[in-house]
C-alpha atoms as a PDB file:
ATOM      1  CA  MET A   1     -15.312   4.424  24.381  1.00  0.00           C
ATOM      2  CA  LEU A   2     -11.974   6.216  24.548  1.00  0.00           C
ATOM      3  CA  TYR A   3     -12.510   9.615  26.092  1.00  0.00           C
ATOM      4  CA  GLU A   4     -11.384  11.473  29.170  1.00  0.00           C
ATOM      5  CA  LYS A   5     -13.283  13.922  31.364  1.00  0.00           C
ATOM      6  CA  LEU A   6     -11.557  17.248  31.853  1.00  0.00           C
ATOM      7  CA  ASP A   7     -12.782  20.469  33.477  1.00  0.00           C
ATOM      8  CA  GLY A   8     -16.270  20.823  32.010  1.00  0.00           C
ATOM      9  CA  VAL A   9     -15.198  19.316  28.653  1.00  0.00           C
ATOM     10  CA  LEU A  10     -14.415  15.918  27.180  1.00  0.00           C
ATOM     11  CA  ASN A  11     -11.208  14.840  25.430  1.00  0.00           C
ATOM     12  CA  CYS A  12     -12.023  12.321  22.679  1.00  0.00           C
ATOM     13  CA  GLN A  13      -9.225   9.812  22.125  1.00  0.00           C
ATOM     14  CA  VAL A  14     -10.514   7.800  19.166  1.00  0.00           C
ATOM     15  CA  CYS A  15      -8.308   9.495  16.578  1.00  0.00           C
ATOM     16  CA  ASN A  16      -5.228  11.669  16.519  1.00  0.00           C
ATOM     17  CA  ARG A  17      -7.260  14.875  16.494  1.00  0.00           C
ATOM     18  CA  ARG A  18      -8.022  14.232  20.170  1.00  0.00           C
ATOM     19  CA  CYS A  19     -10.841  16.788  20.072  1.00  0.00           C
ATOM     20  CA  ILE A  20     -11.752  18.801  23.157  1.00  0.00           C
ATOM     21  CA  ILE A  21     -15.562  18.800  23.098  1.00  0.00           C
ATOM     22  CA  SER A  22     -17.752  21.160  25.118  1.00  0.00           C
ATOM     23  CA  LYS A  23     -21.245  20.271  26.346  1.00  0.00           C
ATOM     24  CA  GLY A  24     -23.746  20.052  23.506  1.00  0.00           C
ATOM     25  CA  LYS A  25     -21.008  20.123  20.860  1.00  0.00           C
ATOM     26  CA  THR A  26     -19.612  17.498  18.492  1.00  0.00           C
ATOM     27  CA  GLY A  27     -16.021  16.737  17.540  1.00  0.00           C
ATOM     28  CA  PHE A  28     -14.401  17.522  14.189  1.00  0.00           C
ATOM     29  CA  CYS A  29     -15.897  14.334  12.676  1.00  0.00           C
ATOM     30  CA  MET A  30     -19.430  15.407  13.721  1.00  0.00           C
ATOM     31  CA  MET A  31     -20.102  11.837  14.899  1.00  0.00           C
ATOM     32  CA  ARG A  32     -19.324  12.155  18.636  1.00  0.00           C
ATOM     33  CA  ARG A  33     -21.195  14.508  20.941  1.00  0.00           C
ATOM     34  CA  ASN A  34     -20.815  15.664  24.521  1.00  0.00           C
ATOM     35  CA  GLU A  35     -24.207  15.291  26.182  1.00  0.00           C
ATOM     36  CA  GLU A  36     -24.115  16.443  29.795  1.00  0.00           C
ATOM     37  CA  GLY A  37     -20.552  15.271  30.335  1.00  0.00           C
ATOM     38  CA  VAL A  38     -20.900  11.908  28.559  1.00  0.00           C
ATOM     39  CA  LEU A  39     -19.471  11.301  25.074  1.00  0.00           C
ATOM     40  CA  TYR A  40     -21.903   9.567  22.742  1.00  0.00           C
ATOM     41  CA  THR A  41     -21.284   8.101  19.311  1.00  0.00           C
ATOM     42  CA  LEU A  42     -24.062   9.223  16.967  1.00  0.00           C
ATOM     43  CA  ASN A  43     -23.682   6.668  14.166  1.00  0.00           C
ATOM     44  CA  TYR A  44     -23.403   3.262  15.841  1.00  0.00           C
ATOM     45  CA  ALA A  45     -24.609   0.673  13.274  1.00  0.00           C
ATOM     46  CA  ALA A  46     -25.821   3.497  10.989  1.00  0.00           C
ATOM     47  CA  ALA A  47     -24.807   2.320   7.515  1.00  0.00           C
ATOM     48  CA  SER A  48     -24.978   4.761   4.622  1.00  0.00           C
ATOM     49  CA  SER A  49     -23.493   2.354   2.080  1.00  0.00           C
ATOM     50  CA  VAL A  50     -23.641  -1.434   1.830  1.00  0.00           C
ATOM     51  CA  ALA A  51     -22.260  -3.599  -0.976  1.00  0.00           C
ATOM     52  CA  VAL A  52     -20.790  -7.008  -1.698  1.00  0.00           C
ATOM     53  CA  ASP A  53     -17.456  -6.101  -3.296  1.00  0.00           C
ATOM     54  CA  PRO A  54     -14.538  -8.038  -4.707  1.00  0.00           C
ATOM     55  CA  ILE A  55     -11.693  -7.720  -2.192  1.00  0.00           C
ATOM     56  CA  GLU A  56      -9.658  -6.214  -5.052  1.00  0.00           C
ATOM     57  CA  LYS A  57     -11.841  -3.087  -4.885  1.00  0.00           C
ATOM     58  CA  LYS A  58     -10.465  -2.101  -1.462  1.00  0.00           C
ATOM     59  CA  PRO A  59      -7.813  -2.398  -3.027  1.00  0.00           C
ATOM     60  CA  LEU A  60      -6.345  -5.525  -1.435  1.00  0.00           C
ATOM     61  CA  PHE A  61      -4.525  -7.656  -4.009  1.00  0.00           C
ATOM     62  CA  HIS A  62      -2.662 -10.006  -1.654  1.00  0.00           C
ATOM     63  CA  PHE A  63      -5.432 -10.847   0.813  1.00  0.00           C
ATOM     64  CA  TYR A  64      -7.641 -13.751  -0.300  1.00  0.00           C
ATOM     65  CA  PRO A  65      -7.521 -12.784  -4.018  1.00  0.00           C
ATOM     66  CA  GLY A  66     -10.790 -13.306  -5.843  1.00  0.00           C
ATOM     67  CA  SER A  67     -12.893 -13.411  -2.651  1.00  0.00           C
ATOM     68  CA  LEU A  68     -15.916 -11.280  -1.762  1.00  0.00           C
ATOM     69  CA  SER A  69     -16.128  -8.803   1.093  1.00  0.00           C
ATOM     70  CA  LEU A  70     -19.240  -7.340   2.706  1.00  0.00           C
ATOM     71  CA  SER A  71     -18.459  -3.625   2.579  1.00  0.00           C
ATOM     72  CA  LEU A  72     -20.045  -1.199   5.012  1.00  0.00           C
ATOM     73  CA  GLY A  73     -19.722   2.561   5.253  1.00  0.00           C
ATOM     74  CA  SER A  74     -21.240   5.083   7.622  1.00  0.00           C
ATOM     75  CA  VAL A  75     -21.010   8.893   7.826  1.00  0.00           C
ATOM     76  CA  GLY A  76     -18.240  11.269   8.856  1.00  0.00           C
ATOM     77  CA  CYS A  77     -14.488  11.707   8.556  1.00  0.00           C
ATOM     78  CA  ASN A  78     -11.607  13.193  10.501  1.00  0.00           C
ATOM     79  CA  PHE A  79     -10.036  14.624   7.305  1.00  0.00           C
ATOM     80  CA  ARG A  80     -11.314  17.316   4.934  1.00  0.00           C
ATOM     81  CA  CYS A  81      -9.730  16.280   1.644  1.00  0.00           C
ATOM     82  CA  PRO A  82     -10.901  18.593  -1.173  1.00  0.00           C
ATOM     83  CA  TYR A  83     -10.632  15.729  -3.670  1.00  0.00           C
ATOM     84  CA  CYS A  84     -12.607  13.137  -1.675  1.00  0.00           C
ATOM     85  CA  GLN A  85     -14.362  10.546  -3.853  1.00  0.00           C
ATOM     86  CA  ASN A  86     -16.970   9.842  -1.157  1.00  0.00           C
ATOM     87  CA  TRP A  87     -17.586  13.384   0.079  1.00  0.00           C
ATOM     88  CA  THR A  88     -21.377  12.867   0.008  1.00  0.00           C
ATOM     89  CA  ILE A  89     -21.040  10.616   3.071  1.00  0.00           C
ATOM     90  CA  SER A  90     -17.672  11.590   4.559  1.00  0.00           C
ATOM     91  CA  GLN A  91     -18.568  15.282   4.781  1.00  0.00           C
ATOM     92  CA  ALA A  92     -22.289  14.852   5.420  1.00  0.00           C
ATOM     93  CA  ASP A  93     -24.339  15.632   8.490  1.00  0.00           C
ATOM     94  CA  LEU A  94     -25.947  12.472   9.872  1.00  0.00           C
ATOM     95  CA  ASP A  95     -29.400  14.089   9.678  1.00  0.00           C
ATOM     96  CA  GLU A  96     -28.955  14.918   5.988  1.00  0.00           C
ATOM     97  CA  ILE A  97     -28.313  11.423   4.743  1.00  0.00           C
ATOM     98  CA  GLY A  98     -30.336   8.244   4.767  1.00  0.00           C
ATOM     99  CA  THR A  99     -28.849   5.373   6.772  1.00  0.00           C
ATOM    100  CA  ARG A 100     -30.036   1.898   7.666  1.00  0.00           C
ATOM    101  CA  ASP A 101     -29.483   0.193  10.989  1.00  0.00           C
ATOM    102  CA  ILE A 102     -27.269  -2.893  10.606  1.00  0.00           C
ATOM    103  CA  PRO A 103     -26.292  -4.300  14.027  1.00  0.00           C
ATOM    104  CA  PRO A 104     -23.122  -6.434  14.160  1.00  0.00           C
ATOM    105  CA  GLU A 105     -25.159  -9.667  14.271  1.00  0.00           C
ATOM    106  CA  LYS A 106     -27.056  -8.680  11.119  1.00  0.00           C
ATOM    107  CA  ALA A 107     -23.780  -7.819   9.350  1.00  0.00           C
ATOM    108  CA  MET A 108     -22.462 -11.318  10.089  1.00  0.00           C
ATOM    109  CA  GLU A 109     -25.628 -12.866   8.621  1.00  0.00           C
ATOM    110  CA  MET A 110     -25.391 -10.712   5.494  1.00  0.00           C
ATOM    111  CA  ALA A 111     -21.742 -11.648   4.971  1.00  0.00           C
ATOM    112  CA  GLN A 112     -22.439 -15.352   5.293  1.00  0.00           C
ATOM    113  CA  GLU A 113     -25.566 -15.247   3.108  1.00  0.00           C
ATOM    114  CA  ASN A 114     -23.538 -13.555   0.343  1.00  0.00           C
ATOM    115  CA  LEU A 115     -20.622 -16.014   0.641  1.00  0.00           C
ATOM    116  CA  CYS A 116     -18.238 -13.283   1.746  1.00  0.00           C
ATOM    117  CA  GLN A 117     -14.922 -14.256   3.253  1.00  0.00           C
ATOM    118  CA  SER A 118     -14.497 -10.917   5.012  1.00  0.00           C
ATOM    119  CA  ILE A 119     -16.172  -7.754   6.253  1.00  0.00           C
ATOM    120  CA  SER A 120     -14.694  -4.400   5.241  1.00  0.00           C
ATOM    121  CA  TRP A 121     -15.375  -1.035   6.838  1.00  0.00           C
ATOM    122  CA  THR A 122     -14.817   1.386   4.021  1.00  0.00           C
ATOM    123  CA  TYR A 123     -16.270   4.283   1.966  1.00  0.00           C
ATOM    124  CA  ASN A 124     -15.824   6.644   4.930  1.00  0.00           C
ATOM    125  CA  GLU A 125     -13.129   6.506   7.634  1.00  0.00           C
ATOM    126  CA  PRO A 126     -13.903   3.381   9.747  1.00  0.00           C
ATOM    127  CA  THR A 127     -12.555   4.970  12.932  1.00  0.00           C
ATOM    128  CA  MET A 128     -15.556   7.308  12.802  1.00  0.00           C
ATOM    129  CA  TRP A 129     -17.798   4.465  13.973  1.00  0.00           C
ATOM    130  CA  PHE A 130     -15.094   2.823  16.012  1.00  0.00           C
ATOM    131  CA  GLU A 131     -17.331   1.177  18.639  1.00  0.00           C
ATOM    132  CA  TYR A 132     -19.371  -0.484  15.910  1.00  0.00           C
ATOM    133  CA  THR A 133     -16.355  -1.781  14.002  1.00  0.00           C
ATOM    134  CA  TYR A 134     -14.796  -2.996  17.259  1.00  0.00           C
ATOM    135  CA  ASP A 135     -17.906  -4.938  18.311  1.00  0.00           C
ATOM    136  CA  SER A 136     -18.342  -6.272  14.777  1.00  0.00           C
ATOM    137  CA  ALA A 137     -14.704  -7.341  14.434  1.00  0.00           C
ATOM    138  CA  LYS A 138     -14.868  -9.357  17.658  1.00  0.00           C
ATOM    139  CA  LEU A 139     -18.024 -11.065  16.438  1.00  0.00           C
ATOM    140  CA  ALA A 140     -16.525 -11.678  12.996  1.00  0.00           C
ATOM    141  CA  GLN A 141     -13.611 -13.534  14.551  1.00  0.00           C
ATOM    142  CA  LYS A 142     -16.073 -15.895  16.243  1.00  0.00           C
ATOM    143  CA  ASN A 143     -17.854 -16.422  12.911  1.00  0.00           C
ATOM    144  CA  ASP A 144     -14.682 -17.213  10.940  1.00  0.00           C
ATOM    145  CA  LEU A 145     -14.926 -13.981   8.929  1.00  0.00           C
ATOM    146  CA  LYS A 146     -11.864 -11.865   8.192  1.00  0.00           C
ATOM    147  CA  THR A 147     -11.916  -8.145   8.937  1.00  0.00           C
ATOM    148  CA  VAL A 148     -10.661  -5.188   6.901  1.00  0.00           C
ATOM    149  CA  TYR A 149     -10.174  -1.453   7.502  1.00  0.00           C
ATOM    150  CA  VAL A 150      -9.880   0.873   4.501  1.00  0.00           C
ATOM    151  CA  THR A 151      -8.454   3.821   6.373  1.00  0.00           C
ATOM    152  CA  ASN A 152      -6.557   7.087   6.313  1.00  0.00           C
ATOM    153  CA  GLY A 153      -4.475   5.715   9.184  1.00  0.00           C
ATOM    154  CA  TYR A 154      -5.221   8.592  11.576  1.00  0.00           C
ATOM    155  CA  MET A 155      -6.666   6.514  14.420  1.00  0.00           C
ATOM    156  CA  SER A 156      -5.217   7.048  17.896  1.00  0.00           C
ATOM    157  CA  GLU A 157      -2.680   4.700  19.429  1.00  0.00           C
ATOM    158  CA  GLU A 158      -5.370   3.645  21.911  1.00  0.00           C
ATOM    159  CA  SER A 159      -7.965   2.699  19.279  1.00  0.00           C
ATOM    160  CA  LEU A 160      -5.395   0.847  17.177  1.00  0.00           C
ATOM    161  CA  ASP A 161      -4.300  -1.128  20.245  1.00  0.00           C
ATOM    162  CA  LEU A 162      -7.930  -2.116  20.889  1.00  0.00           C
ATOM    163  CA  ILE A 163      -8.854  -3.117  17.334  1.00  0.00           C
ATOM    164  CA  SER A 164      -5.537  -4.779  16.368  1.00  0.00           C
ATOM    165  CA  PRO A 165      -6.264  -8.253  17.843  1.00  0.00           C
ATOM    166  CA  TYR A 166      -9.451  -8.402  15.764  1.00  0.00           C
ATOM    167  CA  LEU A 167      -8.250  -6.721  12.542  1.00  0.00           C
ATOM    168  CA  ASP A 168      -6.866  -8.979   9.822  1.00  0.00           C
ATOM    169  CA  ALA A 169      -6.074  -6.510   7.051  1.00  0.00           C
ATOM    170  CA  ALA A 170      -5.967  -2.824   6.204  1.00  0.00           C
ATOM    171  CA  ASN A 171      -5.461  -0.697   3.152  1.00  0.00           C
ATOM    172  CA  VAL A 172      -3.928   2.549   4.369  1.00  0.00           C
ATOM    173  CA  ASP A 173      -4.249   5.649   2.222  1.00  0.00           C
ATOM    174  CA  LEU A 174      -0.832   7.296   2.575  1.00  0.00           C
ATOM    175  CA  LYS A 175      -1.745  10.585   0.956  1.00  0.00           C
ATOM    176  CA  GLY A 176       1.685  12.170   0.686  1.00  0.00           C
ATOM    177  CA  MET A 177       5.021  12.460   2.424  1.00  0.00           C
ATOM    178  CA  SER A 178       5.016  16.044   3.633  1.00  0.00           C
ATOM    179  CA  ASP A 179       3.362  17.701   6.590  1.00  0.00           C
ATOM    180  CA  LYS A 180       2.533  20.592   4.231  1.00  0.00           C
ATOM    181  CA  PHE A 181       0.358  18.289   2.113  1.00  0.00           C
ATOM    182  CA  TYR A 182      -1.442  16.860   5.151  1.00  0.00           C
ATOM    183  CA  GLN A 183      -1.969  20.272   6.754  1.00  0.00           C
ATOM    184  CA  GLU A 184      -3.192  22.061   3.639  1.00  0.00           C
ATOM    185  CA  LEU A 185      -5.285  19.316   2.025  1.00  0.00           C
ATOM    186  CA  CYS A 186      -6.363  17.097   4.926  1.00  0.00           C
ATOM    187  CA  GLN A 187      -6.142  19.449   7.932  1.00  0.00           C
ATOM    188  CA  ALA A 188      -4.074  16.753   9.619  1.00  0.00           C
ATOM    189  CA  ARG A 189      -0.487  15.634  10.296  1.00  0.00           C
ATOM    190  CA  LEU A 190       1.698  13.071   8.554  1.00  0.00           C
ATOM    191  CA  GLU A 191       3.624  11.530  11.458  1.00  0.00           C
ATOM    192  CA  PRO A 192       0.715   9.679  13.153  1.00  0.00           C
ATOM    193  CA  VAL A 193      -0.099   7.952   9.852  1.00  0.00           C
ATOM    194  CA  LEU A 194       3.488   6.736   9.451  1.00  0.00           C
ATOM    195  CA  GLU A 195       3.557   5.523  13.047  1.00  0.00           C
ATOM    196  CA  ASN A 196       0.287   3.619  12.625  1.00  0.00           C
ATOM    197  CA  ILE A 197       1.478   1.914   9.432  1.00  0.00           C
ATOM    198  CA  GLN A 198       4.539   0.692  11.310  1.00  0.00           C
ATOM    199  CA  THR A 199       2.405  -0.463  14.258  1.00  0.00           C
ATOM    200  CA  MET A 200      -0.021  -2.364  12.030  1.00  0.00           C
ATOM    201  CA  HIS A 201       2.891  -4.125  10.351  1.00  0.00           C
ATOM    202  CA  ASP A 202       4.478  -4.929  13.722  1.00  0.00           C
ATOM    203  CA  ASN A 203       1.133  -6.299  14.972  1.00  0.00           C
ATOM    204  CA  GLY A 204       0.897  -8.761  12.084  1.00  0.00           C
ATOM    205  CA  ILE A 205      -2.010  -7.038  10.316  1.00  0.00           C
ATOM    206  CA  HIS A 206      -1.821  -7.570   6.554  1.00  0.00           C
ATOM    207  CA  ILE A 207      -1.355  -4.083   5.110  1.00  0.00           C
ATOM    208  CA  GLU A 208      -1.362  -2.622   1.639  1.00  0.00           C
ATOM    209  CA  ILE A 209      -0.682   1.040   0.955  1.00  0.00           C
ATOM    210  CA  THR A 210      -2.400   3.289  -1.578  1.00  0.00           C
ATOM    211  CA  ASN A 211      -1.033   6.622  -2.775  1.00  0.00           C
ATOM    212  CA  LEU A 212      -3.253   8.791  -4.974  1.00  0.00           C
ATOM    213  CA  VAL A 213      -0.762  10.736  -7.094  1.00  0.00           C
ATOM    214  CA  ILE A 214      -2.030  14.321  -7.562  1.00  0.00           C
ATOM    215  CA  PRO A 215      -0.261  16.543 -10.113  1.00  0.00           C
ATOM    216  CA  GLY A 216       1.438  19.510  -8.478  1.00  0.00           C
ATOM    217  CA  TYR A 217       0.747  18.328  -4.924  1.00  0.00           C
ATOM    218  CA  ASN A 218       2.498  15.042  -4.113  1.00  0.00           C
ATOM    219  CA  ASP A 219       4.051  13.952  -7.412  1.00  0.00           C
ATOM    220  CA  SER A 220       7.533  15.448  -7.152  1.00  0.00           C
ATOM    221  CA  GLU A 221      10.524  13.137  -7.334  1.00  0.00           C
ATOM    222  CA  GLU A 222      11.310  14.084  -3.736  1.00  0.00           C
ATOM    223  CA  ASP A 223       7.815  13.117  -2.541  1.00  0.00           C
ATOM    224  CA  LEU A 224       7.757   9.825  -4.412  1.00  0.00           C
ATOM    225  CA  LYS A 225      11.275   8.925  -3.283  1.00  0.00           C
ATOM    226  CA  ALA A 226      10.395   9.594   0.361  1.00  0.00           C
ATOM    227  CA  LEU A 227       7.257   7.453   0.070  1.00  0.00           C
ATOM    228  CA  VAL A 228       8.882   4.407  -1.518  1.00  0.00           C
ATOM    229  CA  GLU A 229      11.797   4.555   0.904  1.00  0.00           C
ATOM    230  CA  PHE A 230       9.412   4.664   3.857  1.00  0.00           C
ATOM    231  CA  VAL A 231       7.395   1.686   2.575  1.00  0.00           C
ATOM    232  CA  ALA A 232      10.550  -0.308   1.822  1.00  0.00           C
ATOM    233  CA  ASP A 233      11.847   0.434   5.307  1.00  0.00           C
ATOM    234  CA  VAL A 234       8.655  -0.919   6.904  1.00  0.00           C
ATOM    235  CA  GLY A 235       8.595  -3.998   4.660  1.00  0.00           C
ATOM    236  CA  VAL A 236       9.472  -4.650   1.007  1.00  0.00           C
ATOM    237  CA  GLU A 237       6.698  -7.260   0.907  1.00  0.00           C
ATOM    238  CA  ILE A 238       3.990  -4.606   1.420  1.00  0.00           C
ATOM    239  CA  PRO A 239       1.938  -4.170  -1.782  1.00  0.00           C
ATOM    240  CA  LEU A 240       2.030  -0.524  -2.902  1.00  0.00           C
ATOM    241  CA  HIS A 241      -0.709   0.935  -5.112  1.00  0.00           C
ATOM    242  CA  PHE A 242      -0.103   4.169  -7.031  1.00  0.00           C
ATOM    243  CA  THR A 243      -3.462   5.378  -8.320  1.00  0.00           C
ATOM    244  CA  ARG A 244      -4.367   7.957 -10.920  1.00  0.00           C
ATOM    245  CA  PHE A 245      -6.070  11.168  -9.834  1.00  0.00           C
ATOM    246  CA  TYR A 246      -9.075  12.456 -11.738  1.00  0.00           C
ATOM    247  CA  PRO A 247     -10.588  15.960 -11.221  1.00  0.00           C
ATOM    248  CA  HIS A 248     -13.239  15.722  -8.516  1.00  0.00           C
ATOM    249  CA  TYR A 249     -15.152  17.568  -5.774  1.00  0.00           C
ATOM    250  CA  HIS A 250     -13.296  20.831  -4.984  1.00  0.00           C
ATOM    251  CA  MET A 251     -10.275  19.998  -7.160  1.00  0.00           C
ATOM    252  CA  LYS A 252     -11.868  19.883 -10.593  1.00  0.00           C
ATOM    253  CA  GLN A 253      -9.263  22.336 -11.886  1.00  0.00           C
ATOM    254  CA  VAL A 254      -6.417  19.843 -11.382  1.00  0.00           C
ATOM    255  CA  PRO A 255      -5.670  17.669 -14.450  1.00  0.00           C
ATOM    256  CA  PRO A 256      -5.577  13.862 -14.356  1.00  0.00           C
ATOM    257  CA  THR A 257      -2.274  12.281 -13.381  1.00  0.00           C
ATOM    258  CA  PRO A 258      -0.093  11.569 -16.434  1.00  0.00           C
ATOM    259  CA  VAL A 259       0.350   7.820 -16.831  1.00  0.00           C
ATOM    260  CA  ALA A 260       4.092   8.471 -17.220  1.00  0.00           C
ATOM    261  CA  THR A 261       4.182   9.824 -13.652  1.00  0.00           C
ATOM    262  CA  LEU A 262       2.620   6.636 -12.309  1.00  0.00           C
ATOM    263  CA  GLU A 263       5.025   4.495 -14.298  1.00  0.00           C
ATOM    264  CA  LYS A 264       7.942   6.543 -12.955  1.00  0.00           C
ATOM    265  CA  ALA A 265       6.696   6.004  -9.393  1.00  0.00           C
ATOM    266  CA  GLN A 266       6.294   2.272 -10.025  1.00  0.00           C
ATOM    267  CA  LYS A 267       9.813   1.986 -11.435  1.00  0.00           C
ATOM    268  CA  MET A 268      11.251   3.949  -8.517  1.00  0.00           C
ATOM    269  CA  ALA A 269       9.475   1.702  -5.996  1.00  0.00           C
ATOM    270  CA  MET A 270      10.677  -1.481  -7.671  1.00  0.00           C
ATOM    271  CA  GLU A 271      14.255  -0.176  -7.825  1.00  0.00           C
ATOM    272  CA  THR A 272      13.991   0.550  -4.089  1.00  0.00           C
ATOM    273  CA  GLY A 273      13.244  -3.135  -3.536  1.00  0.00           C
ATOM    274  CA  ILE A 274       9.464  -3.159  -3.074  1.00  0.00           C
ATOM    275  CA  LYS A 275       8.270  -6.485  -4.462  1.00  0.00           C
ATOM    276  CA  TYR A 276       4.715  -5.710  -5.526  1.00  0.00           C
ATOM    277  CA  VAL A 277       3.946  -2.319  -7.041  1.00  0.00           C
ATOM    278  CA  TYR A 278       0.662  -1.567  -8.801  1.00  0.00           C
ATOM    279  CA  VAL A 279      -0.687   1.235 -10.988  1.00  0.00           C
ATOM    280  CA  GLY A 280      -4.441   1.806 -10.669  1.00  0.00           C
ATOM    281  CA  ASN A 281      -7.238   3.849 -12.274  1.00  0.00           C
ATOM    282  CA  VAL A 282      -5.693   3.328 -15.719  1.00  0.00           C
ATOM    283  CA  PRO A 283      -8.182   1.325 -17.825  1.00  0.00           C
ATOM    284  CA  GLY A 284      -6.570  -1.106 -20.237  1.00  0.00           C
ATOM    285  CA  SER A 285      -3.277  -1.130 -18.361  1.00  0.00           C
ATOM    286  CA  ASP A 286      -1.594  -4.269 -17.058  1.00  0.00           C
ATOM    287  CA  GLY A 287      -0.465  -2.319 -13.997  1.00  0.00           C
ATOM    288  CA  GLU A 288      -2.774  -4.254 -11.649  1.00  0.00           C
ATOM    289  CA  ASN A 289      -1.463  -7.725 -12.491  1.00  0.00           C
ATOM    290  CA  THR A 290       0.659  -9.574  -9.946  1.00  0.00           C
ATOM    291  CA  TYR A 291       4.063 -10.760 -11.143  1.00  0.00           C
ATOM    292  CA  CYS A 292       6.694 -12.868  -9.418  1.00  0.00           C
ATOM    293  CA  PRO A 293       9.240 -10.445  -7.933  1.00  0.00           C
ATOM    294  CA  GLU A 294      12.046 -12.864  -8.813  1.00  0.00           C
ATOM    295  CA  CYS A 295      11.375 -13.983 -12.408  1.00  0.00           C
ATOM    296  CA  ARG A 296       8.460 -11.686 -13.466  1.00  0.00           C
ATOM    297  CA  GLU A 297       6.178 -14.628 -14.247  1.00  0.00           C
ATOM    298  CA  LEU A 298       2.524 -13.507 -14.490  1.00  0.00           C
ATOM    299  CA  LEU A 299       0.826 -14.881 -11.376  1.00  0.00           C
ATOM    300  CA  ILE A 300      -2.559 -13.133 -11.206  1.00  0.00           C
ATOM    301  CA  ARG A 301      -4.151 -11.315 -14.151  1.00  0.00           C
ATOM    302  CA  ARG A 302      -6.797  -8.767 -13.204  1.00  0.00           C
ATOM    303  CA  ASP A 303      -9.518  -7.368 -15.444  1.00  0.00           C
ATOM    304  CA  GLY A 304     -10.901  -4.409 -13.533  1.00  0.00           C
ATOM    305  CA  PHE A 305     -11.866  -5.811 -10.134  1.00  0.00           C
ATOM    306  CA  SER A 306     -12.119  -9.376 -11.462  1.00  0.00           C
ATOM    307  CA  ILE A 307      -9.503 -12.102 -11.496  1.00  0.00           C
ATOM    308  CA  GLY A 308      -8.896 -13.086 -15.119  1.00  0.00           C
ATOM    309  CA  ALA A 309      -6.407 -15.834 -14.299  1.00  0.00           C
ATOM    310  CA  ASN A 310      -4.741 -17.059 -11.132  1.00  0.00           C
ATOM    311  CA  ASN A 311      -1.585 -19.085 -11.763  1.00  0.00           C
ATOM    312  CA  LEU A 312      -0.408 -18.961  -8.160  1.00  0.00           C
ATOM    313  CA  LYS A 313       0.090 -22.367  -6.596  1.00  0.00           C
ATOM    314  CA  LYS A 314      -1.723 -23.245  -3.374  1.00  0.00           C
ATOM    315  CA  ASP A 315       1.633 -23.360  -1.610  1.00  0.00           C
ATOM    316  CA  LYS A 316       1.999 -19.645  -2.495  1.00  0.00           C
ATOM    317  CA  LYS A 317       5.023 -20.284  -4.688  1.00  0.00           C
ATOM    318  CA  CYS A 318       5.732 -19.074  -8.205  1.00  0.00           C
ATOM    319  CA  PRO A 319       5.026 -21.943 -10.642  1.00  0.00           C
ATOM    320  CA  ALA A 320       7.991 -20.892 -12.788  1.00  0.00           C
ATOM    321  CA  CYS A 321      10.828 -20.362 -10.314  1.00  0.00           C
ATOM    322  CA  GLY A 322       9.470 -21.539  -6.961  1.00  0.00           C
ATOM    323  CA  ALA A 323       9.890 -18.166  -5.235  1.00  0.00           C
ATOM    324  CA  LYS A 324       7.708 -17.605  -2.169  1.00  0.00           C
ATOM    325  CA  ILE A 325       4.966 -15.060  -2.880  1.00  0.00           C
ATOM    326  CA  ASP A 326       3.708 -12.815  -0.078  1.00  0.00           C
ATOM    327  CA  VAL A 327      -0.036 -13.402  -0.231  1.00  0.00           C
ATOM    328  CA  VAL A 328      -2.719 -14.505   2.232  1.00  0.00           C
ATOM    329  CA  VAL A 329      -4.920 -17.288   0.830  1.00  0.00           C
END
């Protein structure tokens, strides 16, 4: 799907890289190849990672809290982040890694057998097996299963238009607020990500945004201010997750994010008007609890990825003050 034939080459249109691919070659993601003038996806239904996860692990805190999600990952990515947590699959060659074939129909069965309320495409960038997620999402809708993308937000306008009617929720990793950050660390551009976040919101997809705060790279007051102002402009009801960086992959020399930096970002976001702001990757913290934005009543207490207590009424109103809470249940 989604490519155009040019003079002797193919123009892939699945993501915003829009790779020009010569015969016998693959695109940047290594998952789409030009074979004699036809573009083939190499990883359709090829799952590298399969798990039944709490929806909170995505992280999605306001989308069916406490439910389970069948989580599927494949191989490949259209970014090259030097701090990637899942580099063993995102940066792998398909031939180097073991995968199992899980057709869309089998995925539906697995989700239902495990009492999952949703299917999530995660662990690697879901756009990298776009045809599979598209076919699966259409089937999920028929089987009363919700659908989730955990994504870097770099899909093309065309692929987002196609998947949107069948996509219920997305956690978008907004990595920073400067083109310099995206160019140097991701080999990508910022603007398409911002545009896609706005489009998802406009299309009625439930979105939550995650920002991994990396010391010395995207943690300046200017960066954080730009990020919270952008999110607030799209919608103050969008849950925003600031997560702590730990040294990893090619960035082991960078220290962990100071907790004070995360708390500063959280305070800044709340002062900007964002209703639900979380601090993650800080064990023992209460930064992942949900509070009423009006009276600060504790609504959902989280212990790791588990729900410790859920005091939210079924009518999605705060039991203390009656304020409407932005959550899908």
